[in-house]
C-alpha atoms as a PDB file:
ATOM      1  CA  UNK A   1     171.345  60.274  47.612  1.00  0.00           C
ATOM      2  CA  UNK A   2     168.483  58.903  50.119  1.00  0.00           C
ATOM      3  CA  UNK A   3     168.427  56.082  52.633  1.00  0.00           C
ATOM      4  CA  UNK A   4     165.413  54.812  51.655  1.00  0.00           C
ATOM      5  CA  UNK A   5     163.577  52.088  54.126  1.00  0.00           C
ATOM      6  CA  UNK A   6     161.181  49.478  53.522  1.00  0.00           C
ATOM      7  CA  UNK A   7     157.777  48.538  55.382  1.00  0.00           C
ATOM      8  CA  UNK A   8     158.938  45.345  57.629  1.00  0.00           C
ATOM      9  CA  UNK A   9     156.643  45.179  60.552  1.00  0.00           C
ATOM     10  CA  UNK A  10     153.935  47.600  62.701  1.00  0.00           C
ATOM     11  CA  UNK A  11     152.136  47.708  66.200  1.00  0.00           C
ATOM     12  CA  UNK A  12     149.490  50.559  66.657  1.00  0.00           C
ATOM     13  CA  UNK A  13     148.177  51.159  69.721  1.00  0.00           C
ATOM     14  CA  UNK A  14     147.724  55.368  69.505  1.00  0.00           C
ATOM     15  CA  UNK A  15     149.177  57.657  67.727  1.00  0.00           C
ATOM     16  CA  UNK A  16     151.996  58.531  70.473  1.00  0.00           C
ATOM     17  CA  UNK A  17     152.689  54.807  71.029  1.00  0.00           C
ATOM     18  CA  UNK A  18     153.045  53.512  67.566  1.00  0.00           C
ATOM     19  CA  UNK A  19     155.929  51.635  67.222  1.00  0.00           C
ATOM     20  CA  UNK A  20     157.134  50.626  63.688  1.00  0.00           C
ATOM     21  CA  UNK A  21     160.134  48.442  62.198  1.00  0.00           C
ATOM     22  CA  UNK A  22     161.917  49.354  59.084  1.00  0.00           C
ATOM     23  CA  UNK A  23     165.028  48.029  57.311  1.00  0.00           C
ATOM     24  CA  UNK A  24     167.519  50.592  56.003  1.00  0.00           C
ATOM     25  CA  UNK A  25     168.551  50.758  52.466  1.00  0.00           C
ATOM     26  CA  UNK A  26     170.474  53.270  50.258  1.00  0.00           C
ATOM     27  CA  UNK A  27     173.447  55.021  51.016  1.00  0.00           C
ATOM     28  CA  UNK A  28     172.961  58.570  52.646  1.00  0.00           C
ATOM     29  CA  UNK A  29     173.114  57.357  55.958  1.00  0.00           C
ATOM     30  CA  UNK A  30     176.555  55.525  55.778  1.00  0.00           C
ATOM     31  CA  UNK A  31     178.800  54.128  57.441  1.00  0.00           C
ATOM     32  CA  UNK A  32     176.132  54.450  60.519  1.00  0.00           C
ATOM     33  CA  UNK A  33     173.308  52.730  58.886  1.00  0.00           C
ATOM     34  CA  UNK A  34     173.788  49.859  56.404  1.00  0.00           C
ATOM     35  CA  UNK A  35     170.749  47.340  56.030  1.00  0.00           C
ATOM     36  CA  UNK A  36     169.888  47.839  59.331  1.00  0.00           C
ATOM     37  CA  UNK A  37     166.659  47.369  61.079  1.00  0.00           C
ATOM     38  CA  UNK A  38     165.150  50.377  62.879  1.00  0.00           C
ATOM     39  CA  UNK A  39     162.692  50.602  65.588  1.00  0.00           C
ATOM     40  CA  UNK A  40     160.981  53.860  65.209  1.00  0.00           C
ATOM     41  CA  UNK A  41     158.263  55.666  67.568  1.00  0.00           C
ATOM     42  CA  UNK A  42     155.998  58.312  67.004  1.00  0.00           C
ATOM     43  CA  UNK A  43     156.919  60.743  69.418  1.00  0.00           C
ATOM     44  CA  UNK A  44     155.502  64.826  70.400  1.00  0.00           C
ATOM     45  CA  UNK A  45     157.626  67.397  68.867  1.00  0.00           C
ATOM     46  CA  UNK A  46     159.244  68.137  72.391  1.00  0.00           C
ATOM     47  CA  UNK A  47     161.237  65.403  71.781  1.00  0.00           C
ATOM     48  CA  UNK A  48     162.888  65.755  68.427  1.00  0.00           C
ATOM     49  CA  UNK A  49     166.611  67.301  68.859  1.00  0.00           C
ATOM     50  CA  UNK A  50     169.159  68.232  66.663  1.00  0.00           C
ATOM     51  CA  UNK A  51     171.048  65.224  66.308  1.00  0.00           C
ATOM     52  CA  UNK A  52     167.927  62.586  66.449  1.00  0.00           C
ATOM     53  CA  UNK A  53     167.584  60.221  63.484  1.00  0.00           C
ATOM     54  CA  UNK A  54     164.060  60.485  62.002  1.00  0.00           C
ATOM     55  CA  UNK A  55     162.051  58.776  59.550  1.00  0.00           C
ATOM     56  CA  UNK A  56     159.864  61.024  57.475  1.00  0.00           C
ATOM     57  CA  UNK A  57     157.582  61.076  54.109  1.00  0.00           C
ATOM     58  CA  UNK A  58     159.383  63.638  51.786  1.00  0.00           C
ATOM     59  CA  UNK A  59     157.619  65.382  49.122  1.00  0.00           C
ATOM     60  CA  UNK A  60     157.661  62.568  46.351  1.00  0.00           C
ATOM     61  CA  UNK A  61     155.595  59.980  49.277  1.00  0.00           C
ATOM     62  CA  UNK A  62     159.120  58.172  49.931  1.00  0.00           C
ATOM     63  CA  UNK A  63     159.875  57.404  53.109  1.00  0.00           C
ATOM     64  CA  UNK A  64     163.329  58.756  54.428  1.00  0.00           C
ATOM     65  CA  UNK A  65     165.556  58.128  56.941  1.00  0.00           C
ATOM     66  CA  UNK A  66     168.165  61.352  57.805  1.00  0.00           C
ATOM     67  CA  UNK A  67     169.492  62.772  60.913  1.00  0.00           C
ATOM     68  CA  UNK A  68     168.063  66.390  61.949  1.00  0.00           C
ATOM     69  CA  UNK A  69     170.643  69.173  61.343  1.00  0.00           C
ATOM     70  CA  UNK A  70     168.363  72.009  62.440  1.00  0.00           C
ATOM     71  CA  UNK A  71     165.410  72.561  64.470  1.00  0.00           C
ATOM     72  CA  UNK A  72     163.498  75.921  63.120  1.00  0.00           C
ATOM     73  CA  UNK A  73     160.754  77.442  65.321  1.00  0.00           C
ATOM     74  CA  UNK A  74     157.243  78.660  63.466  1.00  0.00           C
ATOM     75  CA  UNK A  75     155.430  79.590  66.434  1.00  0.00           C
ATOM     76  CA  UNK A  76     155.152  78.281  70.285  1.00  0.00           C
ATOM     77  CA  UNK A  77     154.110  74.713  69.287  1.00  0.00           C
ATOM     78  CA  UNK A  78     155.343  74.313  66.209  1.00  0.00           C
ATOM     79  CA  UNK A  79     158.974  73.581  64.136  1.00  0.00           C
ATOM     80  CA  UNK A  80     160.177  72.619  60.632  1.00  0.00           C
ATOM     81  CA  UNK A  81     163.131  70.273  60.781  1.00  0.00           C
ATOM     82  CA  UNK A  82     165.828  70.413  58.312  1.00  0.00           C
ATOM     83  CA  UNK A  83     167.680  66.800  58.135  1.00  0.00           C
ATOM     84  CA  UNK A  84     170.725  65.400  56.143  1.00  0.00           C
ATOM     85  CA  UNK A  85     171.704  62.072  55.009  1.00  0.00           C
ATOM     86  CA  UNK A  86     174.940  61.635  57.074  1.00  0.00           C
ATOM     87  CA  UNK A  87     177.014  60.720  53.938  1.00  0.00           C
ATOM     88  CA  UNK A  88     175.540  63.783  51.515  1.00  0.00           C
ATOM     89  CA  UNK A  89     176.896  67.244  51.043  1.00  0.00           C
ATOM     90  CA  UNK A  90     173.591  68.846  51.074  1.00  0.00           C
ATOM     91  CA  UNK A  91     170.256  69.563  53.254  1.00  0.00           C
ATOM     92  CA  UNK A  92     166.987  67.889  52.569  1.00  0.00           C
ATOM     93  CA  UNK A  93     163.753  70.364  52.346  1.00  0.00           C
ATOM     94  CA  UNK A  94     162.481  71.065  55.548  1.00  0.00           C
ATOM     95  CA  UNK A  95     160.347  68.487  57.237  1.00  0.00           C
ATOM     96  CA  UNK A  96     157.153  69.142  59.103  1.00  0.00           C
ATOM     97  CA  UNK A  97     156.074  67.253  62.013  1.00  0.00           C
ATOM     98  CA  UNK A  98     153.116  65.753  60.178  1.00  0.00           C
ATOM     99  CA  UNK A  99     155.262  64.200  57.821  1.00  0.00           C
ATOM    100  CA  UNK A 100     157.907  62.607  60.720  1.00  0.00           C
ATOM    101  CA  UNK A 101     156.559  58.890  61.125  1.00  0.00           C
ATOM    102  CA  UNK A 102     158.885  58.774  63.676  1.00  0.00           C
ATOM    103  CA  UNK A 103     162.272  59.145  65.942  1.00  0.00           C
ATOM    104  CA  UNK A 104     164.591  55.899  65.475  1.00  0.00           C
ATOM    105  CA  UNK A 105     165.047  54.741  68.866  1.00  0.00           C
ATOM    106  CA  UNK A 106     167.383  51.503  68.232  1.00  0.00           C
ATOM    107  CA  UNK A 107     169.094  49.881  65.457  1.00  0.00           C
ATOM    108  CA  UNK A 108     169.611  46.426  64.763  1.00  0.00           C
ATOM    109  CA  UNK A 109     172.258  44.524  62.813  1.00  0.00           C
ATOM    110  CA  UNK A 110     175.505  42.698  62.855  1.00  0.00           C
ATOM    111  CA  UNK A 111     178.889  44.506  64.029  1.00  0.00           C
ATOM    112  CA  UNK A 112     182.059  43.761  61.539  1.00  0.00           C
ATOM    113  CA  UNK A 113     182.696  40.692  63.791  1.00  0.00           C
ATOM    114  CA  UNK A 114     179.432  38.990  62.483  1.00  0.00           C
ATOM    115  CA  UNK A 115     177.764  39.191  66.218  1.00  0.00           C
ATOM    116  CA  UNK A 116     174.344  40.643  66.510  1.00  0.00           C
ATOM    117  CA  UNK A 117     174.099  43.867  68.073  1.00  0.00           C
ATOM    118  CA  UNK A 118     170.883  46.220  69.161  1.00  0.00           C
ATOM    119  CA  UNK A 119     172.494  50.228  69.800  1.00  0.00           C
ATOM    120  CA  UNK A 120     169.944  52.191  72.078  1.00  0.00           C
ATOM    121  CA  UNK A 121     170.558  55.733  70.638  1.00  0.00           C
ATOM    122  CA  UNK A 122     168.432  57.461  73.040  1.00  0.00           C
ATOM    123  CA  UNK A 123     171.238  57.318  76.362  1.00  0.00           C
ATOM    124  CA  UNK A 124     172.684  60.504  77.507  1.00  0.00           C
ATOM    125  CA  UNK A 125     176.220  59.667  75.571  1.00  0.00           C
ATOM    126  CA  UNK A 126     174.853  58.329  72.395  1.00  0.00           C
ATOM    127  CA  UNK A 127     172.534  61.370  72.250  1.00  0.00           C
ATOM    128  CA  UNK A 128     175.580  63.723  72.856  1.00  0.00           C
ATOM    129  CA  UNK A 129     177.607  62.342  69.786  1.00  0.00           C
ATOM    130  CA  UNK A 130     174.552  62.647  67.631  1.00  0.00           C
ATOM    131  CA  UNK A 131     174.297  66.113  68.521  1.00  0.00           C
ATOM    132  CA  UNK A 132     177.922  66.630  67.435  1.00  0.00           C
ATOM    133  CA  UNK A 133     177.786  64.694  64.773  1.00  0.00           C
ATOM    134  CA  UNK A 134     174.679  66.557  62.928  1.00  0.00           C
ATOM    135  CA  UNK A 135     176.502  69.921  64.024  1.00  0.00           C
ATOM    136  CA  UNK A 136     179.620  68.890  62.153  1.00  0.00           C
ATOM    137  CA  UNK A 137     177.788  67.584  59.226  1.00  0.00           C
ATOM    138  CA  UNK A 138     175.883  70.577  58.900  1.00  0.00           C
ATOM    139  CA  UNK A 139     178.924  73.014  59.192  1.00  0.00           C
ATOM    140  CA  UNK A 140     180.931  71.060  56.505  1.00  0.00           C
ATOM    141  CA  UNK A 141     177.822  71.034  54.303  1.00  0.00           C
ATOM    142  CA  UNK A 142     178.114  74.780  54.547  1.00  0.00           C
ATOM    143  CA  UNK A 143     181.978  75.054  53.965  1.00  0.00           C
ATOM    144  CA  UNK A 144     181.154  73.015  50.833  1.00  0.00           C
ATOM    145  CA  UNK A 145     178.525  75.154  49.723  1.00  0.00           C
ATOM    146  CA  UNK A 146     180.868  78.419  50.344  1.00  0.00           C
ATOM    147  CA  UNK A 147     183.812  76.748  48.810  1.00  0.00           C
ATOM    148  CA  UNK A 148     181.640  75.832  45.603  1.00  0.00           C
ATOM    149  CA  UNK A 149     180.930  79.351  45.530  1.00  0.00           C
ATOM    150  CA  UNK A 150     184.234  80.704  45.667  1.00  0.00           C
ATOM    151  CA  UNK A 151     185.466  78.632  43.057  1.00  0.00           C
ATOM    152  CA  UNK A 152     182.608  79.757  40.640  1.00  0.00           C
ATOM    153  CA  UNK A 153     183.331  83.173  41.983  1.00  0.00           C
ATOM    154  CA  UNK A 154     187.091  82.740  40.643  1.00  0.00           C
ATOM    155  CA  UNK A 155     186.599  81.083  37.561  1.00  0.00           C
ATOM    156  CA  UNK A 156     184.120  83.775  36.546  1.00  0.00           C
ATOM    157  CA  UNK A 157     186.551  86.722  37.608  1.00  0.00           C
ATOM    158  CA  UNK A 158     189.305  84.858  35.843  1.00  0.00           C
ATOM    159  CA  UNK A 159     187.098  84.182  32.652  1.00  0.00           C
ATOM    160  CA  UNK A 160     185.512  87.525  32.700  1.00  0.00           C
END
């Protein structure tokens, strides 16, 4: 399950000043993202952190929006990013910086009262919440895989 996005609007000045707007679709980022407009900007690698929501192109050339749950250092200047949809119970294939379209800075949409809202994601408080959510999601995924493995092992022991 992926939260796919469709291209809405584009503004280009240069590679690091690119601002794009996308509309989210799909279920993998529910309940946080539900058919919202995402304001995305290309940023240097040093500005990408665990908890950030990014838009990237996957191996099938689909644009995906997911949260960074782990940052893996390759060398002094390069990282791989493990991402995951908030509603998924699996981690995506690692994402290279070259495949990252940008970091989501704003999410706009309607709240449950039908009022238009714009959420800025790069405030300190929201950064801490995003980081915590990413770590908890990563932790629960590891537990899920462990329990699945344990269940399979117990089944084999019973029938073996």
